[in-house]
């Protein structure tokens, strides 16, 4: 089903509200609350001066405001899953929590989310036996939440992947007649672009755990919902977000193979090594080219009916 004129108006207004709210929150965070939740540089950092890690609050706030204006309905379970993850991540931004506690809450959040989006009666194609996919999807969901956090370590990087990735998903959604899903993706894109204005090198503000982990959960949720609704095949989100999951997964496996403390922060990701060698701006341009390329490849596959 396509988008009628009234829906386009609602979409435009909700996107405008998302952008304005994100901008207002960012301005407040960078003026009155600039010294709040600072990310102090250490030997693993790519920045040299303390930067507030509260930008995710603005991105998520803008998206939430846009959703309210659009009238989109979200189940209580889905809301609670995101709220739970947001709460523990906010707490971690303010005062570092143990990895065990954070990981436990992440597992619980993904479980709740899966329970909400996969309750399909037996006998409806692959989703008729969706419970068989639970172990793989649970592991994937928790990994996406963490890898987005791992990859949020360079100015403009995570924000760009969010804007480009969700823009590609929005285009595919509208192509395939999934207007509600496409509208949600656009709200994320608008809020991300506003955030990027202040996160571009040299960044004035970072996403923080609250932003990166919740966006990671959103990537997972939208990917699974789109797959379940047959808007795209599983290859599409994998290809679009390949710059993130490939770097994070390869780095993790290498660290495990070497017997290193893989759960600790480090500077061994590909994007970090490039930034240390060529500088943040050059590395970001290279990563942007890869992001656009993989997203265009995914769009081409969908347009040709191959995904």
C-alpha atoms as a PDB file:
ATOM      1  CA  UNK A   1       0.000   0.000   0.000  1.00  0.00           C
ATOM      2  CA  UNK A   2       1.419   3.385  -1.040  1.00  0.00           C
ATOM      3  CA  UNK A   3       1.439   6.720   0.766  1.00  0.00           C
ATOM      4  CA  UNK A   4      -1.618   8.961   0.323  1.00  0.00           C
ATOM      5  CA  UNK A   5      -1.282  12.794   0.336  1.00  0.00           C
ATOM      6  CA  UNK A   6      -2.459  13.071   3.949  1.00  0.00           C
ATOM      7  CA  UNK A   7       0.237  10.654   5.016  1.00  0.00           C
ATOM      8  CA  UNK A   8       2.894  12.695   3.207  1.00  0.00           C
ATOM      9  CA  UNK A   9       1.787  15.767   5.164  1.00  0.00           C
ATOM     10  CA  UNK A  10       1.942  13.861   8.438  1.00  0.00           C
ATOM     11  CA  UNK A  11       5.363  12.494   7.501  1.00  0.00           C
ATOM     12  CA  UNK A  12       6.661  15.967   6.655  1.00  0.00           C
ATOM     13  CA  UNK A  13       5.378  17.440   9.919  1.00  0.00           C
ATOM     14  CA  UNK A  14       6.701  14.563  12.028  1.00  0.00           C
ATOM     15  CA  UNK A  15      10.148  14.816  10.368  1.00  0.00           C
ATOM     16  CA  UNK A  16      10.167  18.583  10.970  1.00  0.00           C
ATOM     17  CA  UNK A  17       9.287  18.058  14.631  1.00  0.00           C
ATOM     18  CA  UNK A  18      11.984  15.391  14.973  1.00  0.00           C
ATOM     19  CA  UNK A  19      14.589  17.749  13.533  1.00  0.00           C
ATOM     20  CA  UNK A  20      13.556  20.722  15.659  1.00  0.00           C
ATOM     21  CA  UNK A  21      13.412  18.719  18.891  1.00  0.00           C
ATOM     22  CA  UNK A  22      16.815  17.138  18.199  1.00  0.00           C
ATOM     23  CA  UNK A  23      18.274  20.582  17.489  1.00  0.00           C
ATOM     24  CA  UNK A  24      16.791  22.193  20.607  1.00  0.00           C
ATOM     25  CA  UNK A  25      17.983  19.369  22.855  1.00  0.00           C
ATOM     26  CA  UNK A  26      21.471  19.537  21.333  1.00  0.00           C
ATOM     27  CA  UNK A  27      21.666  23.277  21.881  1.00  0.00           C
ATOM     28  CA  UNK A  28      20.681  22.819  25.531  1.00  0.00           C
ATOM     29  CA  UNK A  29      23.191  20.007  25.994  1.00  0.00           C
ATOM     30  CA  UNK A  30      25.968  22.111  24.457  1.00  0.00           C
ATOM     31  CA  UNK A  31      25.186  25.250  26.453  1.00  0.00           C
ATOM     32  CA  UNK A  32      23.712  24.665  29.901  1.00  0.00           C
ATOM     33  CA  UNK A  33      24.808  21.021  30.213  1.00  0.00           C
ATOM     34  CA  UNK A  34      28.143  21.082  28.378  1.00  0.00           C
ATOM     35  CA  UNK A  35      30.061  19.860  31.439  1.00  0.00           C
ATOM     36  CA  UNK A  36      27.622  17.003  32.075  1.00  0.00           C
ATOM     37  CA  UNK A  37      28.712  13.386  31.396  1.00  0.00           C
ATOM     38  CA  UNK A  38      32.042  14.314  29.819  1.00  0.00           C
ATOM     39  CA  UNK A  39      34.099  11.767  27.905  1.00  0.00           C
ATOM     40  CA  UNK A  40      37.615  12.416  29.180  1.00  0.00           C
ATOM     41  CA  UNK A  41      40.397  11.387  26.736  1.00  0.00           C
ATOM     42  CA  UNK A  42      42.558   8.396  27.620  1.00  0.00           C
ATOM     43  CA  UNK A  43      45.155   6.260  25.824  1.00  0.00           C
ATOM     44  CA  UNK A  44      42.404   4.581  23.768  1.00  0.00           C
ATOM     45  CA  UNK A  45      40.687   7.798  22.639  1.00  0.00           C
ATOM     46  CA  UNK A  46      40.882   9.521  19.277  1.00  0.00           C
ATOM     47  CA  UNK A  47      39.910  12.911  20.752  1.00  0.00           C
ATOM     48  CA  UNK A  48      42.184  15.173  22.818  1.00  0.00           C
ATOM     49  CA  UNK A  49      39.784  17.290  24.895  1.00  0.00           C
ATOM     50  CA  UNK A  50      36.785  16.317  27.076  1.00  0.00           C
ATOM     51  CA  UNK A  51      33.573  15.994  25.032  1.00  0.00           C
ATOM     52  CA  UNK A  52      30.042  15.445  26.391  1.00  0.00           C
ATOM     53  CA  UNK A  53      28.657  12.007  25.541  1.00  0.00           C
ATOM     54  CA  UNK A  54      25.000  13.052  25.626  1.00  0.00           C
ATOM     55  CA  UNK A  55      24.295  13.512  21.910  1.00  0.00           C
ATOM     56  CA  UNK A  56      22.293  10.314  21.772  1.00  0.00           C
ATOM     57  CA  UNK A  57      19.716  11.925  24.035  1.00  0.00           C
ATOM     58  CA  UNK A  58      18.960  14.481  21.324  1.00  0.00           C
ATOM     59  CA  UNK A  59      18.856  11.925  18.507  1.00  0.00           C
ATOM     60  CA  UNK A  60      16.523   9.636  20.422  1.00  0.00           C
ATOM     61  CA  UNK A  61      14.444  12.548  21.696  1.00  0.00           C
ATOM     62  CA  UNK A  62      13.916  13.855  18.181  1.00  0.00           C
ATOM     63  CA  UNK A  63      12.928  10.437  16.877  1.00  0.00           C
ATOM     64  CA  UNK A  64      10.518   9.884  19.788  1.00  0.00           C
ATOM     65  CA  UNK A  65       8.906  13.285  19.271  1.00  0.00           C
ATOM     66  CA  UNK A  66       8.452  12.560  15.572  1.00  0.00           C
ATOM     67  CA  UNK A  67       6.828   9.217  16.399  1.00  0.00           C
ATOM     68  CA  UNK A  68       4.365  10.894  18.763  1.00  0.00           C
ATOM     69  CA  UNK A  69       3.349  13.438  16.115  1.00  0.00           C
ATOM     70  CA  UNK A  70       3.008  10.763  13.441  1.00  0.00           C
ATOM     71  CA  UNK A  71       0.571   8.826  15.607  1.00  0.00           C
ATOM     72  CA  UNK A  72       2.532   5.598  15.156  1.00  0.00           C
ATOM     73  CA  UNK A  73       1.530   2.840  17.540  1.00  0.00           C
ATOM     74  CA  UNK A  74       4.212   0.963  19.449  1.00  0.00           C
ATOM     75  CA  UNK A  75       3.430  -2.023  21.627  1.00  0.00           C
ATOM     76  CA  UNK A  76       4.167  -1.817  25.338  1.00  0.00           C
ATOM     77  CA  UNK A  77       6.663  -4.672  25.063  1.00  0.00           C
ATOM     78  CA  UNK A  78       8.652  -2.914  22.340  1.00  0.00           C
ATOM     79  CA  UNK A  79       8.596   0.352  24.291  1.00  0.00           C
ATOM     80  CA  UNK A  80       9.723  -1.416  27.462  1.00  0.00           C
ATOM     81  CA  UNK A  81      12.580  -3.207  25.680  1.00  0.00           C
ATOM     82  CA  UNK A  82      13.982   0.107  24.413  1.00  0.00           C
ATOM     83  CA  UNK A  83      13.289   1.870  27.724  1.00  0.00           C
ATOM     84  CA  UNK A  84      15.118  -0.832  29.658  1.00  0.00           C
ATOM     85  CA  UNK A  85      18.190  -0.634  27.434  1.00  0.00           C
ATOM     86  CA  UNK A  86      18.110   3.167  27.435  1.00  0.00           C
ATOM     87  CA  UNK A  87      17.944   3.287  31.235  1.00  0.00           C
ATOM     88  CA  UNK A  88      20.973   1.050  31.822  1.00  0.00           C
ATOM     89  CA  UNK A  89      22.936   2.853  29.090  1.00  0.00           C
ATOM     90  CA  UNK A  90      22.120   6.267  30.562  1.00  0.00           C
ATOM     91  CA  UNK A  91      23.308   5.065  33.929  1.00  0.00           C
ATOM     92  CA  UNK A  92      26.515   3.769  32.338  1.00  0.00           C
ATOM     93  CA  UNK A  93      27.121   7.149  30.679  1.00  0.00           C
ATOM     94  CA  UNK A  94      26.911   8.844  34.070  1.00  0.00           C
ATOM     95  CA  UNK A  95      28.775   6.214  36.084  1.00  0.00           C
ATOM     96  CA  UNK A  96      30.465   3.137  34.549  1.00  0.00           C
ATOM     97  CA  UNK A  97      28.614  -0.088  35.341  1.00  0.00           C
ATOM     98  CA  UNK A  98      29.899  -3.653  35.302  1.00  0.00           C
ATOM     99  CA  UNK A  99      29.951  -5.453  31.968  1.00  0.00           C
ATOM    100  CA  UNK A 100      27.941  -8.303  33.502  1.00  0.00           C
ATOM    101  CA  UNK A 101      25.062  -5.994  34.492  1.00  0.00           C
ATOM    102  CA  UNK A 102      24.991  -4.231  31.125  1.00  0.00           C
ATOM    103  CA  UNK A 103      25.143  -7.525  29.234  1.00  0.00           C
ATOM    104  CA  UNK A 104      22.321  -9.025  31.319  1.00  0.00           C
ATOM    105  CA  UNK A 105      20.028  -6.084  30.629  1.00  0.00           C
ATOM    106  CA  UNK A 106      20.894  -6.211  26.937  1.00  0.00           C
ATOM    107  CA  UNK A 107      19.900  -9.879  26.760  1.00  0.00           C
ATOM    108  CA  UNK A 108      16.634  -9.147  28.549  1.00  0.00           C
ATOM    109  CA  UNK A 109      15.846  -6.210  26.235  1.00  0.00           C
ATOM    110  CA  UNK A 110      16.452  -8.273  23.099  1.00  0.00           C
ATOM    111  CA  UNK A 111      14.360 -11.145  24.496  1.00  0.00           C
ATOM    112  CA  UNK A 112      11.425  -8.816  25.179  1.00  0.00           C
ATOM    113  CA  UNK A 113      11.747  -7.294  21.720  1.00  0.00           C
ATOM    114  CA  UNK A 114      11.834 -10.684  20.004  1.00  0.00           C
ATOM    115  CA  UNK A 115       8.769 -11.805  21.951  1.00  0.00           C
ATOM    116  CA  UNK A 116       6.922  -8.765  20.582  1.00  0.00           C
ATOM    117  CA  UNK A 117       7.938  -9.007  16.928  1.00  0.00           C
ATOM    118  CA  UNK A 118       7.967 -12.779  16.381  1.00  0.00           C
ATOM    119  CA  UNK A 119       4.677 -14.143  17.805  1.00  0.00           C
ATOM    120  CA  UNK A 120       3.613 -15.780  14.528  1.00  0.00           C
ATOM    121  CA  UNK A 121       1.235 -18.794  14.434  1.00  0.00           C
ATOM    122  CA  UNK A 122       2.730 -22.070  13.279  1.00  0.00           C
ATOM    123  CA  UNK A 123       2.286 -22.728   9.589  1.00  0.00           C
ATOM    124  CA  UNK A 124       3.103 -19.350   8.013  1.00  0.00           C
ATOM    125  CA  UNK A 125       6.306 -19.910   6.084  1.00  0.00           C
ATOM    126  CA  UNK A 126       9.659 -19.444   7.786  1.00  0.00           C
ATOM    127  CA  UNK A 127       8.036 -17.313  10.495  1.00  0.00           C
ATOM    128  CA  UNK A 128       5.657 -20.151  11.351  1.00  0.00           C
ATOM    129  CA  UNK A 129       8.580 -21.760  13.172  1.00  0.00           C
ATOM    130  CA  UNK A 130      10.090 -18.464  14.315  1.00  0.00           C
ATOM    131  CA  UNK A 131      10.899 -19.872  17.739  1.00  0.00           C
ATOM    132  CA  UNK A 132      13.600 -21.987  16.069  1.00  0.00           C
ATOM    133  CA  UNK A 133      15.348 -18.752  15.065  1.00  0.00           C
ATOM    134  CA  UNK A 134      15.364 -17.367  18.601  1.00  0.00           C
ATOM    135  CA  UNK A 135      18.887 -18.468  19.636  1.00  0.00           C
ATOM    136  CA  UNK A 136      20.453 -17.018  16.497  1.00  0.00           C
ATOM    137  CA  UNK A 137      18.379 -13.833  16.596  1.00  0.00           C
ATOM    138  CA  UNK A 138      19.026 -13.327  20.319  1.00  0.00           C
ATOM    139  CA  UNK A 139      22.771 -13.620  19.780  1.00  0.00           C
ATOM    140  CA  UNK A 140      22.564 -11.332  16.755  1.00  0.00           C
ATOM    141  CA  UNK A 141      20.503  -8.718  18.588  1.00  0.00           C
ATOM    142  CA  UNK A 142      22.869  -8.529  21.550  1.00  0.00           C
ATOM    143  CA  UNK A 143      25.843  -8.380  19.190  1.00  0.00           C
ATOM    144  CA  UNK A 144      24.362  -5.537  17.126  1.00  0.00           C
ATOM    145  CA  UNK A 145      23.687  -3.549  20.307  1.00  0.00           C
ATOM    146  CA  UNK A 146      27.316  -3.955  21.364  1.00  0.00           C
ATOM    147  CA  UNK A 147      28.986  -3.554  17.996  1.00  0.00           C
ATOM    148  CA  UNK A 148      27.240  -0.215  17.477  1.00  0.00           C
ATOM    149  CA  UNK A 149      28.712   0.852  20.791  1.00  0.00           C
ATOM    150  CA  UNK A 150      32.164  -0.465  19.814  1.00  0.00           C
ATOM    151  CA  UNK A 151      32.079   1.398  16.497  1.00  0.00           C
ATOM    152  CA  UNK A 152      31.088   4.706  18.069  1.00  0.00           C
ATOM    153  CA  UNK A 153      34.674   5.832  18.548  1.00  0.00           C
ATOM    154  CA  UNK A 154      35.396   8.337  15.780  1.00  0.00           C
ATOM    155  CA  UNK A 155      33.860  11.726  15.015  1.00  0.00           C
ATOM    156  CA  UNK A 156      30.984  11.495  12.557  1.00  0.00           C
ATOM    157  CA  UNK A 157      31.275   7.726  12.143  1.00  0.00           C
ATOM    158  CA  UNK A 158      28.300   6.185  13.967  1.00  0.00           C
ATOM    159  CA  UNK A 159      26.067   9.122  13.068  1.00  0.00           C
ATOM    160  CA  UNK A 160      26.902   8.729   9.371  1.00  0.00           C
ATOM    161  CA  UNK A 161      26.232   4.980   9.416  1.00  0.00           C
ATOM    162  CA  UNK A 162      22.896   5.654  11.098  1.00  0.00           C
ATOM    163  CA  UNK A 163      21.847   8.339   8.610  1.00  0.00           C
ATOM    164  CA  UNK A 164      22.987   6.445   5.507  1.00  0.00           C
ATOM    165  CA  UNK A 165      21.799   3.041   6.702  1.00  0.00           C
ATOM    166  CA  UNK A 166      18.328   4.118   7.740  1.00  0.00           C
ATOM    167  CA  UNK A 167      17.995   6.256   4.595  1.00  0.00           C
ATOM    168  CA  UNK A 168      18.600   3.147   2.485  1.00  0.00           C
ATOM    169  CA  UNK A 169      16.079   1.164   4.531  1.00  0.00           C
ATOM    170  CA  UNK A 170      13.557   4.005   4.171  1.00  0.00           C
ATOM    171  CA  UNK A 171      13.890   4.034   0.378  1.00  0.00           C
ATOM    172  CA  UNK A 172      13.397   0.273   0.186  1.00  0.00           C
ATOM    173  CA  UNK A 173      10.410   0.454   2.539  1.00  0.00           C
ATOM    174  CA  UNK A 174       8.665   3.034   0.379  1.00  0.00           C
ATOM    175  CA  UNK A 175       9.510   1.076  -2.777  1.00  0.00           C
ATOM    176  CA  UNK A 176       7.904  -2.010  -1.283  1.00  0.00           C
ATOM    177  CA  UNK A 177       4.845  -0.167   0.046  1.00  0.00           C
ATOM    178  CA  UNK A 178       5.821  -0.374   3.739  1.00  0.00           C
ATOM    179  CA  UNK A 179       5.079   3.287   4.457  1.00  0.00           C
ATOM    180  CA  UNK A 180       4.967   2.974   8.251  1.00  0.00           C
ATOM    181  CA  UNK A 181       8.383   1.337   8.383  1.00  0.00           C
ATOM    182  CA  UNK A 182       9.784   3.858   5.904  1.00  0.00           C
ATOM    183  CA  UNK A 183       8.428   6.769   7.942  1.00  0.00           C
ATOM    184  CA  UNK A 184      10.087   5.447  11.104  1.00  0.00           C
ATOM    185  CA  UNK A 185      13.410   5.136   9.283  1.00  0.00           C
ATOM    186  CA  UNK A 186      13.131   8.710   7.992  1.00  0.00           C
ATOM    187  CA  UNK A 187      12.617  10.059  11.505  1.00  0.00           C
ATOM    188  CA  UNK A 188      15.878   8.404  12.545  1.00  0.00           C
ATOM    189  CA  UNK A 189      17.607   9.854   9.472  1.00  0.00           C
ATOM    190  CA  UNK A 190      16.466  13.422  10.192  1.00  0.00           C
ATOM    191  CA  UNK A 191      17.508  13.258  13.849  1.00  0.00           C
ATOM    192  CA  UNK A 192      20.853  11.713  12.855  1.00  0.00           C
ATOM    193  CA  UNK A 193      21.608  14.463  10.330  1.00  0.00           C
ATOM    194  CA  UNK A 194      20.935  17.140  12.954  1.00  0.00           C
ATOM    195  CA  UNK A 195      23.206  15.307  15.391  1.00  0.00           C
ATOM    196  CA  UNK A 196      25.915  14.974  12.738  1.00  0.00           C
ATOM    197  CA  UNK A 197      26.124  18.752  12.413  1.00  0.00           C
ATOM    198  CA  UNK A 198      27.598  18.817  15.925  1.00  0.00           C
ATOM    199  CA  UNK A 199      29.371  15.472  15.754  1.00  0.00           C
ATOM    200  CA  UNK A 200      31.349  16.168  12.570  1.00  0.00           C
ATOM    201  CA  UNK A 201      35.131  16.458  13.048  1.00  0.00           C
ATOM    202  CA  UNK A 202      36.050  18.070  15.339  1.00  0.00           C
ATOM    203  CA  UNK A 203      33.065  16.780  17.296  1.00  0.00           C
ATOM    204  CA  UNK A 204      31.390  18.958  19.907  1.00  0.00           C
ATOM    205  CA  UNK A 205      29.359  16.050  21.267  1.00  0.00           C
ATOM    206  CA  UNK A 206      29.299  12.230  21.133  1.00  0.00           C
ATOM    207  CA  UNK A 207      26.433   9.735  21.021  1.00  0.00           C
ATOM    208  CA  UNK A 208      27.381   8.057  24.272  1.00  0.00           C
ATOM    209  CA  UNK A 209      26.230   4.585  25.309  1.00  0.00           C
ATOM    210  CA  UNK A 210      22.598   5.694  25.524  1.00  0.00           C
ATOM    211  CA  UNK A 211      22.631   6.680  21.876  1.00  0.00           C
ATOM    212  CA  UNK A 212      24.799   3.955  20.367  1.00  0.00           C
ATOM    213  CA  UNK A 213      23.231   0.949  22.118  1.00  0.00           C
ATOM    214  CA  UNK A 214      19.629   2.040  21.516  1.00  0.00           C
ATOM    215  CA  UNK A 215      20.379   2.783  17.858  1.00  0.00           C
ATOM    216  CA  UNK A 216      21.939  -0.673  17.631  1.00  0.00           C
ATOM    217  CA  UNK A 217      18.732  -2.190  18.996  1.00  0.00           C
ATOM    218  CA  UNK A 218      16.744  -0.101  16.512  1.00  0.00           C
ATOM    219  CA  UNK A 219      18.865  -1.403  13.625  1.00  0.00           C
ATOM    220  CA  UNK A 220      18.166  -4.959  14.757  1.00  0.00           C
ATOM    221  CA  UNK A 221      14.442  -4.361  15.299  1.00  0.00           C
ATOM    222  CA  UNK A 222      13.837  -2.648  11.962  1.00  0.00           C
ATOM    223  CA  UNK A 223      15.889  -5.283  10.138  1.00  0.00           C
ATOM    224  CA  UNK A 224      13.891  -8.167  11.625  1.00  0.00           C
ATOM    225  CA  UNK A 225      10.514  -6.457  11.197  1.00  0.00           C
ATOM    226  CA  UNK A 226      11.292  -5.637   7.569  1.00  0.00           C
ATOM    227  CA  UNK A 227      12.383  -9.223   6.972  1.00  0.00           C
ATOM    228  CA  UNK A 228       9.277 -10.585   8.668  1.00  0.00           C
ATOM    229  CA  UNK A 229       7.025  -8.315   6.585  1.00  0.00           C
ATOM    230  CA  UNK A 230       8.912  -9.422   3.451  1.00  0.00           C
ATOM    231  CA  UNK A 231       9.994  -5.856   2.711  1.00  0.00           C
ATOM    232  CA  UNK A 232      13.548  -7.143   2.252  1.00  0.00           C
ATOM    233  CA  UNK A 233      15.538 -10.324   2.624  1.00  0.00           C
ATOM    234  CA  UNK A 234      18.105 -10.843   5.415  1.00  0.00           C
ATOM    235  CA  UNK A 235      20.939  -9.952   3.028  1.00  0.00           C
ATOM    236  CA  UNK A 236      19.759  -6.335   2.669  1.00  0.00           C
ATOM    237  CA  UNK A 237      20.439  -4.995   6.213  1.00  0.00           C
ATOM    238  CA  UNK A 238      23.588  -7.133   6.384  1.00  0.00           C
ATOM    239  CA  UNK A 239      24.901  -5.454   3.238  1.00  0.00           C
ATOM    240  CA  UNK A 240      23.842  -1.951   4.259  1.00  0.00           C
ATOM    241  CA  UNK A 241      25.498  -2.104   7.691  1.00  0.00           C
ATOM    242  CA  UNK A 242      28.457  -4.205   6.515  1.00  0.00           C
ATOM    243  CA  UNK A 243      31.025  -1.445   7.333  1.00  0.00           C
ATOM    244  CA  UNK A 244      30.069  -1.771  10.996  1.00  0.00           C
ATOM    245  CA  UNK A 245      29.482  -5.461  11.626  1.00  0.00           C
ATOM    246  CA  UNK A 246      32.413  -6.706   9.532  1.00  0.00           C
ATOM    247  CA  UNK A 247      34.965  -4.473  11.260  1.00  0.00           C
ATOM    248  CA  UNK A 248      33.578  -5.206  14.739  1.00  0.00           C
ATOM    249  CA  UNK A 249      33.218  -8.959  14.183  1.00  0.00           C
ATOM    250  CA  UNK A 250      36.628  -9.430  12.577  1.00  0.00           C
ATOM    251  CA  UNK A 251      38.316  -7.424  15.338  1.00  0.00           C
ATOM    252  CA  UNK A 252      36.544  -9.414  18.050  1.00  0.00           C
ATOM    253  CA  UNK A 253      37.535 -12.761  16.555  1.00  0.00           C
ATOM    254  CA  UNK A 254      41.149 -11.665  16.160  1.00  0.00           C
ATOM    255  CA  UNK A 255      41.320 -10.527  19.788  1.00  0.00           C
ATOM    256  CA  UNK A 256      39.771 -13.785  21.008  1.00  0.00           C
ATOM    257  CA  UNK A 257      42.213 -15.799  18.876  1.00  0.00           C
ATOM    258  CA  UNK A 258      45.129 -13.873  20.369  1.00  0.00           C
ATOM    259  CA  UNK A 259      43.881 -14.549  23.884  1.00  0.00           C
ATOM    260  CA  UNK A 260      43.393 -10.843  24.642  1.00  0.00           C
ATOM    261  CA  UNK A 261      40.835  -9.396  27.038  1.00  0.00           C
ATOM    262  CA  UNK A 262      38.335  -8.902  24.209  1.00  0.00           C
ATOM    263  CA  UNK A 263      35.642  -7.303  26.400  1.00  0.00           C
ATOM    264  CA  UNK A 264      37.825  -4.307  27.240  1.00  0.00           C
ATOM    265  CA  UNK A 265      38.005  -1.085  25.225  1.00  0.00           C
ATOM    266  CA  UNK A 266      40.870  -0.815  22.725  1.00  0.00           C
ATOM    267  CA  UNK A 267      42.072   0.862  19.509  1.00  0.00           C
ATOM    268  CA  UNK A 268      42.362  -2.155  17.229  1.00  0.00           C
ATOM    269  CA  UNK A 269      39.307  -1.658  15.011  1.00  0.00           C
ATOM    270  CA  UNK A 270      40.089  -0.961  11.363  1.00  0.00           C
ATOM    271  CA  UNK A 271      38.579   2.524  11.549  1.00  0.00           C
ATOM    272  CA  UNK A 272      40.705   3.310  14.608  1.00  0.00           C
ATOM    273  CA  UNK A 273      43.907   2.138  12.946  1.00  0.00           C
ATOM    274  CA  UNK A 274      43.097   4.219   9.857  1.00  0.00           C
ATOM    275  CA  UNK A 275      42.364   7.272  12.005  1.00  0.00           C
ATOM    276  CA  UNK A 276      45.668   6.909  13.858  1.00  0.00           C
ATOM    277  CA  UNK A 277      47.562   6.560  10.579  1.00  0.00           C
ATOM    278  CA  UNK A 278      45.743   8.974   8.257  1.00  0.00           C
ATOM    279  CA  UNK A 279      43.748  11.201  10.581  1.00  0.00           C
ATOM    280  CA  UNK A 280      40.054  11.230  11.478  1.00  0.00           C
ATOM    281  CA  UNK A 281      38.851  13.291   8.494  1.00  0.00           C
ATOM    282  CA  UNK A 282      40.556  11.126   5.867  1.00  0.00           C
ATOM    283  CA  UNK A 283      39.412   7.932   7.583  1.00  0.00           C
ATOM    284  CA  UNK A 284      35.843   9.225   7.796  1.00  0.00           C
ATOM    285  CA  UNK A 285      35.799  10.010   4.066  1.00  0.00           C
ATOM    286  CA  UNK A 286      36.971   6.480   3.284  1.00  0.00           C
ATOM    287  CA  UNK A 287      34.343   4.962   5.573  1.00  0.00           C
ATOM    288  CA  UNK A 288      31.635   7.198   4.068  1.00  0.00           C
ATOM    289  CA  UNK A 289      32.528   5.968   0.588  1.00  0.00           C
ATOM    290  CA  UNK A 290      32.216   2.368   1.790  1.00  0.00           C
ATOM    291  CA  UNK A 291      28.894   3.059   3.543  1.00  0.00           C
ATOM    292  CA  UNK A 292      27.376   4.678   0.455  1.00  0.00           C
ATOM    293  CA  UNK A 293      28.699   1.884  -1.768  1.00  0.00           C
ATOM    294  CA  UNK A 294      27.235  -0.948   0.322  1.00  0.00           C
ATOM    295  CA  UNK A 295      23.904   0.876   0.656  1.00  0.00           C
ATOM    296  CA  UNK A 296      23.725   1.487  -3.102  1.00  0.00           C
ATOM    297  CA  UNK A 297      24.558  -2.177  -3.688  1.00  0.00           C
ATOM    298  CA  UNK A 298      21.661  -3.172  -1.440  1.00  0.00           C
ATOM    299  CA  UNK A 299      19.306  -0.770  -3.256  1.00  0.00           C
ATOM    300  CA  UNK A 300      20.393  -2.221  -6.598  1.00  0.00           C
ATOM    301  CA  UNK A 301      19.734  -5.778  -5.436  1.00  0.00           C
ATOM    302  CA  UNK A 302      16.254  -4.811  -4.259  1.00  0.00           C
ATOM    303  CA  UNK A 303      15.516  -2.891  -7.473  1.00  0.00           C
ATOM    304  CA  UNK A 304      16.542  -5.928  -9.524  1.00  0.00           C
ATOM    305  CA  UNK A 305      14.336  -8.147  -7.376  1.00  0.00           C
ATOM    306  CA  UNK A 306      17.311 -10.129  -6.059  1.00  0.00           C
ATOM    307  CA  UNK A 307      16.821  -9.335  -2.351  1.00  0.00           C
END
